Amino acid sequence: MEMTDFGITEMLKMQRKLQEKYKDKWEQISCETGQNKLLWMLGEIGEVIDIIKKNGGQRSCTDEALRKSLVEELADVLMYYNDVLLCYGITAEELKKAYTDKFTRNMKRW
């Protein structure tokens, strides 16, 4: 599977497939479970931080095995992030608008 660009729409589609496949094993996607998904995401962010904290930023970027672990943990973060989007029914279009609006405000901030 060649990917030249990998965006929210594609990630959400993939995450929906995962959720459908494991619907009998994983907690349901809903507003009520969004908080749990956020907590799981924070756990994954902790794993990313541990890699960098234990090995340093430079080594985490340049050591092939560490970089692979770092990218894998970041993928886990994104998976939970997309679960959160699904839980709250946030679309790629809504996210793009909010992100663009925030970007515009930040560009004018200082």
Protein backbone atom coordinates (compact mmCIF):
# COMPACT_ATOMS: atom_id res chain seq x y z
CA MET A 1 0.00 0.00 0.00
CA GLU A 2 1.73 3.15 -1.22
CA MET A 3 0.89 6.33 0.65
CA THR A 4 1.96 9.71 -0.57
CA ASP A 5 -0.21 11.49 1.98
CA PHE A 6 -1.89 10.05 5.02
CA GLY A 7 -4.68 12.12 6.48
CA ILE A 8 -7.44 12.08 9.03
CA THR A 9 -10.07 10.78 6.61
CA GLU A 10 -8.01 7.70 5.82
CA MET A 11 -7.12 7.13 9.47
CA LEU A 12 -10.77 7.41 10.52
CA LYS A 13 -11.77 4.91 7.85
CA MET A 14 -9.14 2.44 9.04
CA GLN A 15 -10.08 2.98 12.69
CA ARG A 16 -13.76 2.32 11.92
CA LYS A 17 -12.73 -1.00 10.34
CA LEU A 18 -10.77 -1.92 13.46
CA GLN A 19 -13.67 -0.96 15.70
CA GLU A 20 -16.08 -3.01 13.60
CA LYS A 21 -13.80 -6.05 13.63
CA TYR A 22 -13.38 -5.98 17.41
CA LYS A 23 -16.81 -4.68 18.40
CA ASP A 24 -17.41 -7.73 20.61
CA LYS A 25 -14.04 -7.43 22.35
CA TRP A 26 -13.49 -3.67 22.71
CA GLU A 27 -15.67 -1.13 24.45
CA GLN A 28 -18.17 0.53 22.14
CA ILE A 29 -17.43 3.82 20.43
CA SER A 30 -19.69 6.38 22.08
CA CYS A 31 -19.63 9.72 23.86
CA GLU A 32 -19.63 7.80 27.13
CA THR A 33 -16.40 5.96 26.28
CA GLY A 34 -14.57 8.98 24.85
CA GLN A 35 -12.98 9.74 28.22
CA ASN A 36 -11.58 6.21 28.43
CA LYS A 37 -10.10 6.51 24.95
CA LEU A 38 -8.45 9.80 25.99
CA LEU A 39 -6.93 8.09 29.03
CA TRP A 40 -5.62 5.22 26.88
CA MET A 41 -4.17 7.82 24.50
CA LEU A 42 -2.37 9.50 27.40
CA GLY A 43 -0.87 6.12 28.30
CA GLU A 44 0.48 5.80 24.78
CA ILE A 45 1.86 9.35 24.93
CA GLY A 46 3.64 8.27 28.11
CA GLU A 47 5.27 5.43 26.18
CA VAL A 48 6.50 7.92 23.56
CA ILE A 49 7.90 10.13 26.31
CA ASP A 50 9.63 7.15 27.96
CA ILE A 51 11.49 6.28 24.75
CA ILE A 52 12.78 9.83 24.42
CA LYS A 53 13.45 10.29 28.14
CA LYS A 54 15.43 7.05 28.43
CA ASN A 55 17.38 7.44 25.19
CA GLY A 56 17.49 11.15 24.45
CA GLY A 57 15.94 12.92 21.50
CA GLN A 58 18.89 12.59 19.14
CA ARG A 59 19.34 8.85 19.67
CA SER A 60 15.58 8.28 19.44
CA CYS A 61 15.67 9.93 16.02
CA THR A 62 18.79 8.29 14.65
CA ASP A 63 18.95 4.78 16.14
CA GLU A 64 16.97 2.59 13.75
CA ALA A 65 15.39 0.32 16.38
CA LEU A 66 14.51 3.19 18.71
CA ARG A 67 13.06 5.22 15.86
CA LYS A 68 10.92 2.24 14.84
CA SER A 69 9.60 1.97 18.42
CA LEU A 70 9.02 5.73 18.58
CA VAL A 71 7.02 5.76 15.33
CA GLU A 72 5.04 2.68 16.42
CA GLU A 73 4.09 4.31 19.73
CA LEU A 74 3.10 7.50 17.89
CA ALA A 75 0.89 5.35 15.65
CA ASP A 76 -0.77 4.00 18.82
CA VAL A 77 -1.37 7.59 19.95
CA LEU A 78 -3.00 8.37 16.60
CA MET A 79 -5.18 5.27 16.80
CA TYR A 80 -6.59 6.36 20.15
CA TYR A 81 -6.84 9.94 18.87
CA ASN A 82 -8.98 8.67 16.00
CA ASP A 83 -11.06 6.62 18.45
CA VAL A 84 -11.71 9.87 20.34
CA LEU A 85 -12.80 11.56 17.11
CA LEU A 86 -15.13 8.63 16.42
CA CYS A 87 -16.51 8.69 19.98
CA TYR A 88 -17.52 12.31 19.66
CA GLY A 89 -18.51 12.13 16.00
CA ILE A 90 -15.93 14.70 14.95
CA THR A 91 -15.47 14.72 11.20
CA ALA A 92 -12.35 15.46 9.19
CA GLU A 93 -14.07 18.59 7.90
CA GLU A 94 -14.81 19.87 11.42
CA LEU A 95 -11.25 19.16 12.48
CA LYS A 96 -9.81 20.88 9.40
CA LYS A 97 -11.89 24.00 10.07
CA ALA A 98 -10.94 24.13 13.75
CA TYR A 99 -7.28 23.49 12.96
CA THR A 100 -7.23 26.11 10.21
CA ASP A 101 -8.97 28.68 12.40
CA LYS A 102 -6.55 28.01 15.26
CA PHE A 103 -3.59 28.20 12.87
CA THR A 104 -4.79 31.58 11.58
CA ARG A 105 -5.17 32.94 15.12
CA ASN A 106 -1.73 31.62 16.09
CA MET A 107 -0.11 33.19 13.03
CA LYS A 108 -1.36 36.58 14.24
CA ARG A 109 -0.55 36.04 17.89
CA TRP A 110 2.97 37.52 18.13
